[in-house]
Amino acid sequence: MDKEDKLSEIEEKMRARLKEHRKKRKEEEPTPHPPAPSLPHGLRDTARTTADRQAMVDLYRAYDLEAIDRLMAEDFELGRYFPDKSLAYPTIYCETLEEYFQPHVEYLDLSDTTKQRLMEQLRQEAEEMAELRPGSGEFGVHWPGRGCYLNGWLFAHGRAPDARAALTDPCLLPYILATAAHEKLGHGFITEFTAAGLEKKELQLWRHEIGSRFDIQLVDSPQATLLHEKWSILFQTSQYTEEGWAMWIQNYVLHRLRELATEGEHIDFGRARRDYSLDDTLGALEKIEFKHQDQDLRKLAHWYRESVQRIFLQPQIDLQTLHQAALTLQEYGPRLAQPMGELLGQPPSYVVGSLLCRRLEEVLGAKCIPFAVVIACNLSYNLGEIANADLERLVHDDPRLNIDSRLVQLTRLEVDTKDDIAELAQAAREALNLSPPPELAAP
C-alpha cells in the first residue's frame, strides 16, 4: 500500500469513527429567551476594549471565572486537605472550530498534511451536526496539563451572531459556565486530585482518547497499542464516576451562582441545570424494555434496569452482588446510549452517574461528595508494568479495584454526621475496606 492509499484509508476510518462518535456525544441544547439587561456581578466583560481582539479568549482574563474556582475551593475547603494541588490552569473559549479542534489533533502521530485534512474533516462534521441536530455536538473538553477548551462556535450557532456575542448573552452564559464547571471542576478535578487521575495523566493516557475517536494509533509501536488497551479498560470502568461527578459539580456551581447573584441581575442559572430522577430513569428503561423494536436492546434494558434497582432500591445487598450490578452498568451502558439519549437527553453514564452522586449527597452531605470521588479514585494500577490481561481481570473480579464499583459501594455507607470528611474516610476504611488517601485523615 503506497502512502496516498494509506492516507485515504486513515481518512475513511476517521470519517466513519467521527460519524459514530458524533451520534453518541450529545449535550444539552440551550433554549434562548429574550436577552436580559445585565450580567451577574463578577462575570462582566473586562477585557474587550480594543478593536484588535485575540482569536481565543482566556475566560480567566475576560471574565472573573476564578470566582468559580474559588467557590469550589472555599465551599469544600480543598486547601485544608490538598494544599499542594490546584485547578490553576486556563479555560480557553474558542471562537472558531479550528481553534477548538487544534489540540485534538496536535499530538497525533500524523503528518502535517494529514492533520490538516483531519482538521477540515472535524470542522465539516461539526457544521453538519449543528445543522442537522441543533444543540448536539461537543461543547467542551478538558485536556490534562493544558486547559479546559470551550467550543464558542457551537454555543453561538443559531443562537447568537458569533462566539463573542454568546459570552454577553444572558440566555447562553449559564450554559457556557455549566460546561466550564463540568470539564474543569469535574474531569479536571479527578485528573489533578486523585491517584487514578494522576497516574493516567503521567502516562498521557488521555492521548489515547483522541486516537480512539479516529481509530488510529498515536505511535506505531506495541507499547502504544498496549497503553491504548489499558486506557480502554479504565475508560469503561470509571465513566459513571467521571460523568456523574462532573454532572453533580456542574449543577452545584449553577446552584451557588444562583444564590450569589445580586438583586436586579436577570440571569437564570437554574435553566442550565440537568437533573434526573430515579423514576424517570427507570421509566425510560421500561420503555426500551417493552417497546423497542430491537429484541437485543430490550433484553439489555431489562438487565440494566434490574441492576439500577439493585443499586438504588434493594436495602440489603452484599458487596459482590453490588459489584455485579456495577459491571452490568458498565457493560450494557454503551449499547443503551442511543435509546436512553433519545428519551432522557444524555447517555447512561451521565444519567445514572449523576443519580449515584445525588445518592451520595443524601447519605454523606454535599461537602463530602468531592472527597467520596477522591476515595473512589484512590487507585494506582502500576499501569506501566501491569499486563493488560491482569488489569482487565482485576477490575472485573475485585470490587475494590473497579472505580465505578467503589463509588457504588460508597452510596451504602452509614455515617452519624453528614459533611464530616474524617468520618467519611474512617467509614470507607472500616465498613468497605476502601483506603482513603492520607490527606483525608483527621487533621
Protein backbone atom coordinates (compact mmCIF):
# COMPACT_ATOMS: atom_id res chain seq x y z
CA MET A 1 0.00 0.00 0.00
CA ASP A 2 1.52 3.34 -1.02
CA LYS A 3 1.49 6.46 1.11
CA GLU A 4 -1.52 8.06 -0.59
CA ASP A 5 -3.59 4.89 -0.25
CA LYS A 6 -2.69 4.72 3.44
CA LEU A 7 -3.75 8.34 3.93
CA SER A 8 -7.04 7.60 2.17
CA GLU A 9 -7.61 4.58 4.40
CA ILE A 10 -6.92 6.67 7.51
CA GLU A 11 -9.34 9.33 6.31
CA GLU A 12 -12.06 6.74 5.72
CA LYS A 13 -11.56 5.35 9.21
CA MET A 14 -11.65 8.86 10.66
CA ARG A 15 -14.84 9.65 8.79
CA ALA A 16 -16.58 6.51 9.97
CA ARG A 17 -15.46 6.96 13.57
CA LEU A 18 -16.44 10.62 13.57
CA LYS A 19 -19.94 9.84 12.38
CA GLU A 20 -20.37 7.23 15.09
CA HIS A 21 -18.82 9.47 17.74
CA ARG A 22 -20.98 12.48 16.89
CA LYS A 23 -24.14 10.38 17.16
CA LYS A 24 -23.25 9.28 20.68
CA ARG A 25 -21.95 12.55 22.14
CA LYS A 26 -24.84 14.88 22.91
CA GLU A 27 -25.02 17.87 25.19
CA GLU A 28 -27.96 19.94 26.26
CA GLU A 29 -29.41 22.36 23.76
CA PRO A 30 -29.62 25.94 25.04
CA THR A 31 -33.06 27.43 24.56
CA PRO A 32 -32.68 31.19 24.14
CA HIS A 33 -35.05 33.64 25.77
CA PRO A 34 -35.21 37.41 25.25
CA PRO A 35 -31.89 38.89 26.42
CA ALA A 36 -31.74 40.33 29.91
CA PRO A 37 -30.06 43.67 30.53
CA SER A 38 -27.09 42.68 32.69
CA LEU A 39 -24.53 40.04 33.56
CA PRO A 40 -24.05 38.83 37.12
CA HIS A 41 -21.65 40.70 39.34
CA GLY A 42 -18.08 39.45 38.93
CA LEU A 43 -18.71 37.99 35.48
CA ARG A 44 -18.89 41.18 33.42
CA ASP A 45 -16.56 41.52 30.47
CA THR A 46 -13.46 43.46 31.48
CA ALA A 47 -11.14 42.70 28.60
CA ARG A 48 -12.97 43.51 25.34
CA THR A 49 -11.94 47.17 24.99
CA THR A 50 -9.79 47.18 21.84
CA ALA A 51 -10.67 46.58 18.20
CA ASP A 52 -7.79 44.16 17.78
CA ARG A 53 -9.05 41.21 19.81
CA GLN A 54 -7.32 37.88 20.29
CA ALA A 55 -8.88 34.94 18.48
CA MET A 56 -9.22 32.72 21.53
CA VAL A 57 -10.46 34.16 24.79
CA ASP A 58 -8.88 33.13 28.07
CA LEU A 59 -12.02 33.33 30.17
CA TYR A 60 -9.93 33.89 33.27
CA ARG A 61 -8.83 37.18 31.77
CA ALA A 62 -12.07 38.20 30.06
CA TYR A 63 -14.34 37.22 32.93
CA ASP A 64 -13.78 36.62 36.60
CA LEU A 65 -14.13 32.87 36.29
CA GLU A 66 -11.55 32.47 39.01
CA ALA A 67 -14.59 33.08 41.20
CA ILE A 68 -15.86 29.61 40.27
CA ASP A 69 -12.52 28.02 41.23
CA ARG A 70 -12.52 29.96 44.49
CA LEU A 71 -16.11 28.95 45.15
CA MET A 72 -15.24 25.28 44.89
CA ALA A 73 -12.02 25.63 46.87
CA GLU A 74 -13.74 27.54 49.67
CA ASP A 75 -17.00 25.59 49.84
CA PHE A 76 -15.17 22.27 50.11
CA GLU A 77 -12.05 23.58 51.90
CA LEU A 78 -9.77 21.94 49.37
CA GLY A 79 -6.71 23.82 50.60
CA ARG A 80 -7.11 22.24 54.02
CA TYR A 81 -6.74 18.75 52.59
CA PHE A 82 -4.78 19.33 49.38
CA PRO A 83 -2.53 22.34 49.94
CA ASP A 84 -0.17 21.30 47.12
CA LYS A 85 -2.87 20.86 44.45
CA SER A 86 -4.92 23.35 42.48
CA LEU A 87 -7.02 23.87 39.37
CA ALA A 88 -4.96 26.89 38.32
CA TYR A 89 -4.85 26.39 34.59
CA PRO A 90 -6.72 28.27 31.86
CA THR A 91 -10.18 27.88 30.46
CA ILE A 92 -9.99 28.77 26.77
CA TYR A 93 -13.08 29.93 24.91
CA CYS A 94 -12.55 29.12 21.22
CA GLU A 95 -14.27 31.33 18.68
CA THR A 96 -13.71 29.05 15.69
CA LEU A 97 -13.90 25.31 15.15
CA GLU A 98 -10.27 25.28 14.02
CA GLU A 99 -9.20 26.72 17.36
CA TYR A 100 -11.30 24.23 19.27
CA PHE A 101 -10.11 21.14 17.39
CA GLN A 102 -6.45 22.14 17.18
CA PRO A 103 -5.46 20.42 20.48
CA HIS A 104 -7.45 17.36 19.39
CA VAL A 105 -5.02 16.65 16.56
CA GLU A 106 -1.83 18.21 17.87
CA TYR A 107 -0.42 15.06 19.45
CA LEU A 108 -1.47 12.55 16.82
CA ASP A 109 1.42 10.79 15.10
CA LEU A 110 0.43 12.01 11.64
CA SER A 111 2.00 14.24 9.04
CA ASP A 112 1.11 17.93 8.96
CA THR A 113 -0.80 17.32 5.72
CA THR A 114 -2.91 14.57 7.28
CA LYS A 115 -3.52 16.67 10.39
CA GLN A 116 -4.79 19.48 8.22
CA ARG A 117 -7.12 17.09 6.41
CA LEU A 118 -8.34 15.82 9.76
CA MET A 119 -9.00 19.36 10.98
CA GLU A 120 -11.05 20.05 7.87
CA GLN A 121 -12.99 16.82 8.37
CA LEU A 122 -13.69 17.69 12.01
CA ARG A 123 -14.89 21.14 11.03
CA GLN A 124 -17.19 19.79 8.33
CA GLU A 125 -18.64 17.13 10.64
CA ALA A 126 -19.28 19.73 13.38
CA GLU A 127 -21.03 22.06 10.94
CA GLU A 128 -23.18 19.24 9.54
CA MET A 129 -24.13 18.06 13.04
CA ALA A 130 -25.02 21.60 14.13
CA GLU A 131 -27.33 21.98 11.12
CA LEU A 132 -28.95 18.56 11.30
CA ARG A 133 -29.31 18.32 15.08
CA PRO A 134 -29.23 21.76 16.70
CA GLY A 135 -27.86 21.67 20.23
CA SER A 136 -25.84 18.50 19.60
CA GLY A 137 -22.08 18.27 19.47
CA GLU A 138 -19.05 18.67 21.65
CA PHE A 139 -19.35 21.86 23.71
CA GLY A 140 -16.19 21.44 25.78
CA VAL A 141 -13.26 19.22 26.63
CA HIS A 142 -10.63 19.00 29.34
CA TRP A 143 -7.05 18.37 28.19
CA PRO A 144 -4.89 17.40 31.22
CA GLY A 145 -1.97 19.69 31.76
CA ARG A 146 -3.15 22.09 29.09
CA GLY A 147 -6.53 23.52 29.98
CA CYS A 148 -10.27 23.44 29.53
CA TYR A 149 -11.41 24.26 25.98
CA LEU A 150 -14.92 25.51 25.25
CA ASN A 151 -16.48 25.42 21.79
CA GLY A 152 -17.70 29.01 21.48
CA TRP A 153 -18.65 28.48 17.85
CA LEU A 154 -21.15 25.79 18.84
CA PHE A 155 -22.62 27.81 21.72
CA ALA A 156 -23.27 30.66 19.28
CA HIS A 157 -24.51 28.60 16.33
CA GLY A 158 -28.13 29.50 15.63
CA ARG A 159 -28.40 31.43 18.90
CA ALA A 160 -26.04 34.40 18.73
CA PRO A 161 -24.34 36.42 15.94
CA ASP A 162 -20.94 34.97 16.84
CA ALA A 163 -18.99 33.36 19.66
CA ARG A 164 -18.15 36.71 21.23
CA ALA A 165 -21.78 37.70 21.34
CA ALA A 166 -22.67 34.44 23.06
CA LEU A 167 -20.47 35.47 26.01
CA THR A 168 -22.64 38.52 26.60
CA ASP A 169 -25.98 36.77 26.07
CA PRO A 170 -27.61 36.15 29.48
CA CYS A 171 -29.51 33.21 27.97
CA LEU A 172 -26.34 31.43 26.85
CA LEU A 173 -23.91 32.36 29.61
CA PRO A 174 -25.31 29.79 32.10
CA TYR A 175 -24.60 27.01 29.60
CA ILE A 176 -21.06 28.26 28.99
CA LEU A 177 -20.37 28.37 32.73
CA ALA A 178 -22.00 24.97 33.22
CA THR A 179 -19.72 23.44 30.60
CA ALA A 180 -16.66 25.08 32.15
CA ALA A 181 -17.61 23.63 35.54
CA HIS A 182 -18.32 20.20 34.05
CA GLU A 183 -14.99 19.96 32.24
CA LYS A 184 -12.61 21.76 34.57
CA LEU A 185 -14.04 21.20 38.05
CA GLY A 186 -15.43 17.81 37.04
CA HIS A 187 -12.94 15.97 34.85
CA GLY A 188 -10.08 18.31 35.76
CA PHE A 189 -10.57 17.68 39.48
CA ILE A 190 -10.32 13.93 39.00
CA THR A 191 -7.17 14.35 36.93
CA GLU A 192 -5.39 16.63 39.38
CA PHE A 193 -6.66 15.48 42.78
CA THR A 194 -6.92 11.69 42.58
CA ALA A 195 -4.39 8.88 42.41
CA ALA A 196 -6.02 7.27 39.36
CA GLY A 197 -6.21 10.59 37.52
CA LEU A 198 -2.60 11.49 38.21
CA GLU A 199 -1.39 8.08 37.05
CA LYS A 200 -3.30 8.36 33.77
CA LYS A 201 -2.01 11.90 33.32
CA GLU A 202 1.59 10.80 33.89
CA LEU A 203 1.31 8.16 31.16
CA GLN A 204 -0.63 10.60 28.92
CA LEU A 205 -3.47 8.11 28.52
CA TRP A 206 -5.74 10.98 27.57
CA ARG A 207 -3.95 10.99 24.19
CA HIS A 208 -5.42 7.57 23.52
CA GLU A 209 -8.91 9.01 23.78
CA ILE A 210 -8.00 11.21 20.82
CA GLY A 211 -6.75 8.22 18.86
CA SER A 212 -9.88 6.23 19.70
CA ARG A 213 -12.07 8.88 18.12
CA PHE A 214 -10.35 8.41 14.78
CA ASP A 215 -9.48 4.70 15.04
CA ILE A 216 -5.77 5.34 14.56
CA GLN A 217 -2.74 4.72 16.74
CA LEU A 218 -0.77 7.60 18.18
CA VAL A 219 2.51 5.78 17.67
CA ASP A 220 3.10 2.65 15.60
CA SER A 221 4.55 0.51 18.38
CA PRO A 222 3.49 -2.44 20.58
CA GLN A 223 3.81 -0.28 23.70
CA ALA A 224 1.35 2.30 22.33
CA THR A 225 -1.10 -0.46 21.44
CA LEU A 226 -0.92 -1.91 24.95
CA LEU A 227 -1.39 1.53 26.52
CA HIS A 228 -4.42 2.11 24.33
CA GLU A 229 -5.93 -1.14 25.57
CA LYS A 230 -5.28 -0.09 29.17
CA TRP A 231 -6.94 3.25 28.52
CA SER A 232 -9.98 1.41 27.12
CA ILE A 233 -10.23 -0.83 30.20
CA LEU A 234 -10.04 2.10 32.61
CA PHE A 235 -12.39 4.22 30.49
CA GLN A 236 -15.08 1.54 30.72
CA THR A 237 -14.67 1.10 34.49
CA SER A 238 -14.69 4.77 35.50
CA GLN A 239 -17.24 6.54 33.26
CA TYR A 240 -20.09 6.61 35.79
CA THR A 241 -17.77 8.18 38.35
CA GLU A 242 -16.28 10.66 35.87
CA GLU A 243 -19.53 11.84 34.32
CA GLY A 244 -21.61 11.53 37.48
CA TRP A 245 -19.23 13.75 39.43
CA ALA A 246 -18.92 16.20 36.54
CA MET A 247 -22.72 16.48 36.33
CA TRP A 248 -23.01 16.91 40.09
CA ILE A 249 -20.42 19.69 40.38
CA GLN A 250 -21.88 21.39 37.30
CA ASN A 251 -25.28 21.55 38.98
CA TYR A 252 -23.74 22.55 42.30
CA VAL A 253 -21.89 25.51 40.75
CA LEU A 254 -25.03 26.70 38.95
CA HIS A 255 -26.97 26.47 42.22
CA ARG A 256 -24.33 28.50 44.05
CA LEU A 257 -24.13 31.12 41.30
CA ARG A 258 -27.87 31.50 41.50
CA GLU A 259 -27.59 32.01 45.28
CA LEU A 260 -24.80 34.56 44.88
CA ALA A 261 -26.42 36.59 42.11
CA THR A 262 -27.13 40.14 43.25
CA GLU A 263 -30.59 41.65 43.25
CA GLY A 264 -31.61 43.05 39.89
CA GLU A 265 -29.49 40.69 37.84
CA HIS A 266 -31.52 38.61 35.47
CA ILE A 267 -29.52 35.52 34.55
CA ASP A 268 -31.35 32.30 35.34
CA PHE A 269 -28.56 29.89 36.24
CA GLY A 270 -31.12 27.23 37.08
CA ARG A 271 -32.06 26.84 33.42
CA ALA A 272 -28.73 25.13 32.66
CA ARG A 273 -29.10 22.51 35.40
CA ARG A 274 -29.56 18.92 34.29
CA ASP A 275 -31.40 16.92 36.95
CA TYR A 276 -32.60 13.34 36.64
CA SER A 277 -34.89 11.31 38.85
CA LEU A 278 -34.75 7.60 39.53
CA ASP A 279 -38.38 7.24 38.45
CA ASP A 280 -37.73 8.91 35.09
CA THR A 281 -34.66 6.74 34.55
CA LEU A 282 -36.49 3.50 35.34
CA GLY A 283 -39.41 4.65 33.20
CA ALA A 284 -37.12 5.23 30.22
CA LEU A 285 -35.58 1.79 30.66
CA GLU A 286 -39.04 0.22 30.81
CA LYS A 287 -39.99 1.90 27.54
CA ILE A 288 -36.90 0.42 25.88
CA GLU A 289 -37.51 -2.97 27.50
CA PHE A 290 -41.12 -3.30 26.41
CA LYS A 291 -41.44 -1.15 23.30
CA HIS A 292 -38.14 -1.03 21.44
CA GLN A 293 -38.08 -2.89 18.12
CA ASP A 294 -34.61 -4.33 18.74
CA GLN A 295 -35.05 -7.52 20.76
CA ASP A 296 -31.42 -7.49 21.94
CA LEU A 297 -31.77 -3.95 23.27
CA ARG A 298 -34.96 -4.96 25.08
CA LYS A 299 -33.06 -7.69 26.91
CA LEU A 300 -30.16 -5.36 27.75
CA ALA A 301 -32.60 -2.76 29.08
CA HIS A 302 -34.19 -5.40 31.30
CA TRP A 303 -30.87 -6.44 32.85
CA TYR A 304 -29.72 -2.84 33.12
CA ARG A 305 -32.96 -1.82 34.84
CA GLU A 306 -32.66 -4.70 37.32
CA SER A 307 -29.11 -3.58 38.18
CA VAL A 308 -30.23 0.02 38.71
CA GLN A 309 -32.97 -1.20 41.03
CA ARG A 310 -30.50 -3.33 43.00
CA ILE A 311 -28.16 -0.37 43.46
CA PHE A 312 -30.78 2.19 44.45
CA LEU A 313 -33.72 0.25 45.86
CA GLN A 314 -32.54 -3.03 47.40
CA PRO A 315 -31.94 -2.28 51.11
CA GLN A 316 -29.86 -5.33 52.00
CA ILE A 317 -27.31 -6.41 49.43
CA ASP A 318 -23.85 -7.92 49.68
CA LEU A 319 -20.91 -6.12 48.09
CA GLN A 320 -20.27 -8.79 45.48
CA THR A 321 -23.84 -8.53 44.17
CA LEU A 322 -23.49 -4.77 44.20
CA HIS A 323 -20.29 -5.12 42.20
CA GLN A 324 -22.01 -7.34 39.65
CA ALA A 325 -24.69 -4.67 39.24
CA ALA A 326 -21.98 -2.07 38.59
CA LEU A 327 -20.37 -4.36 36.00
CA THR A 328 -23.72 -4.67 34.23
CA LEU A 329 -23.98 -0.88 34.00
CA GLN A 330 -20.50 -0.69 32.55
CA GLU A 331 -21.07 -3.47 30.03
CA TYR A 332 -24.53 -2.58 28.74
CA GLY A 333 -24.48 1.21 29.12
CA PRO A 334 -22.73 1.88 25.78
CA ARG A 335 -25.29 -0.26 23.92
CA LEU A 336 -28.14 1.70 25.52
CA ALA A 337 -26.59 5.13 24.90
CA GLN A 338 -28.66 5.96 21.84
CA PRO A 339 -32.16 4.93 23.05
CA MET A 340 -31.60 6.41 26.52
CA GLY A 341 -30.17 9.57 24.98
CA GLU A 342 -33.31 9.93 22.88
CA LEU A 343 -35.54 9.56 25.95
CA LEU A 344 -33.53 11.43 28.60
CA GLY A 345 -31.19 13.66 26.61
CA GLN A 346 -27.94 12.07 27.73
CA PRO A 347 -26.37 8.59 27.81
CA PRO A 348 -26.49 6.24 30.84
CA SER A 349 -23.12 7.21 32.34
CA TYR A 350 -24.34 10.80 32.72
CA VAL A 351 -27.82 9.90 33.93
CA VAL A 352 -27.09 7.07 36.36
CA GLY A 353 -23.74 8.60 37.33
CA SER A 354 -25.47 11.79 38.44
CA LEU A 355 -28.03 9.72 40.38
CA LEU A 356 -25.17 7.98 42.22
CA CYS A 357 -23.70 11.32 43.26
CA ARG A 358 -27.13 12.54 44.32
CA ARG A 359 -27.47 9.44 46.50
CA LEU A 360 -24.03 10.15 47.98
CA GLU A 361 -25.22 13.66 48.80
CA GLU A 362 -28.27 12.27 50.60
CA VAL A 363 -26.15 9.83 52.60
CA LEU A 364 -23.00 11.85 53.30
CA GLY A 365 -23.86 15.52 52.76
CA ALA A 366 -22.86 17.77 49.87
CA LYS A 367 -19.50 18.74 51.34
CA CYS A 368 -18.34 15.11 51.23
CA ILE A 369 -19.02 14.49 47.54
CA PRO A 370 -15.63 15.53 46.09
CA PHE A 371 -13.89 13.56 48.82
CA ALA A 372 -16.01 10.49 48.12
CA VAL A 373 -14.88 10.80 44.49
CA VAL A 374 -11.26 11.06 45.67
CA ILE A 375 -11.72 7.84 47.66
CA ALA A 376 -13.37 6.07 44.73
CA CYS A 377 -10.44 7.08 42.52
CA ASN A 378 -7.75 6.36 45.10
CA LEU A 379 -6.20 3.62 42.99
CA SER A 380 -2.79 3.25 41.36
CA TYR A 381 -2.65 0.32 38.96
CA ASN A 382 1.07 0.46 38.13
CA LEU A 383 -0.04 0.90 34.54
CA GLY A 384 3.46 0.99 33.17
CA GLU A 385 4.12 -2.57 34.36
CA ILE A 386 0.85 -4.48 34.79
CA ALA A 387 -0.18 -6.84 32.00
CA ASN A 388 -3.39 -5.90 30.21
CA ALA A 389 -4.98 -9.28 30.92
CA ASP A 390 -4.21 -8.89 34.63
CA LEU A 391 -5.63 -5.35 34.67
CA GLU A 392 -8.85 -6.47 33.00
CA ARG A 393 -9.20 -9.43 35.34
CA LEU A 394 -8.61 -7.34 38.46
CA VAL A 395 -11.12 -4.59 37.65
CA HIS A 396 -13.69 -7.24 36.75
CA ASP A 397 -13.19 -9.58 39.71
CA ASP A 398 -12.27 -7.30 42.61
CA PRO A 399 -14.84 -4.69 43.73
CA ARG A 400 -12.08 -2.67 45.41
CA LEU A 401 -10.18 -2.26 42.12
CA ASN A 402 -13.07 -1.00 39.98
CA ILE A 403 -13.61 2.76 40.31
CA ASP A 404 -17.32 2.78 39.46
CA SER A 405 -17.92 -0.15 41.80
CA ARG A 406 -16.13 1.70 44.58
CA LEU A 407 -18.41 4.71 44.05
CA VAL A 408 -21.47 2.46 44.16
CA GLN A 409 -20.25 0.91 47.41
CA LEU A 410 -19.80 4.36 48.97
CA THR A 411 -23.53 5.02 48.48
CA ARG A 412 -24.15 2.28 51.09
CA LEU A 413 -22.13 3.95 53.85
CA GLU A 414 -23.82 4.96 57.09
CA VAL A 415 -22.42 7.95 58.96
CA ASP A 416 -23.53 9.70 62.12
CA THR A 417 -22.61 13.20 60.96
CA LYS A 418 -23.07 14.49 57.44
CA ASP A 419 -20.44 16.73 55.83
CA ASP A 420 -17.74 15.21 58.04
CA ILE A 421 -14.74 14.33 55.88
CA ALA A 422 -12.85 12.47 58.59
CA GLU A 423 -15.87 10.30 59.41
CA LEU A 424 -16.35 9.57 55.71
CA ALA A 425 -12.72 8.43 55.41
CA GLN A 426 -12.97 6.29 58.54
CA ALA A 427 -16.26 4.69 57.47
CA ALA A 428 -14.90 3.91 53.97
CA ARG A 429 -11.90 2.21 55.53
CA GLU A 430 -13.71 0.25 58.25
CA ALA A 431 -17.02 -0.62 56.59
CA LEU A 432 -15.90 -1.10 52.98
CA ASN A 433 -12.16 -1.69 53.25
CA LEU A 434 -11.58 1.19 50.82
CA SER A 435 -8.40 3.05 51.64
CA PRO A 436 -8.70 6.85 51.54
CA PRO A 437 -5.66 8.95 50.67
CA PRO A 438 -3.62 10.10 53.69
CA GLU A 439 -4.73 13.70 53.15
CA LEU A 440 -8.22 12.80 54.36
CA ALA A 441 -7.11 11.61 57.78
CA ALA A 442 -8.40 13.73 60.65
CA PRO A 443 -6.26 16.90 60.94
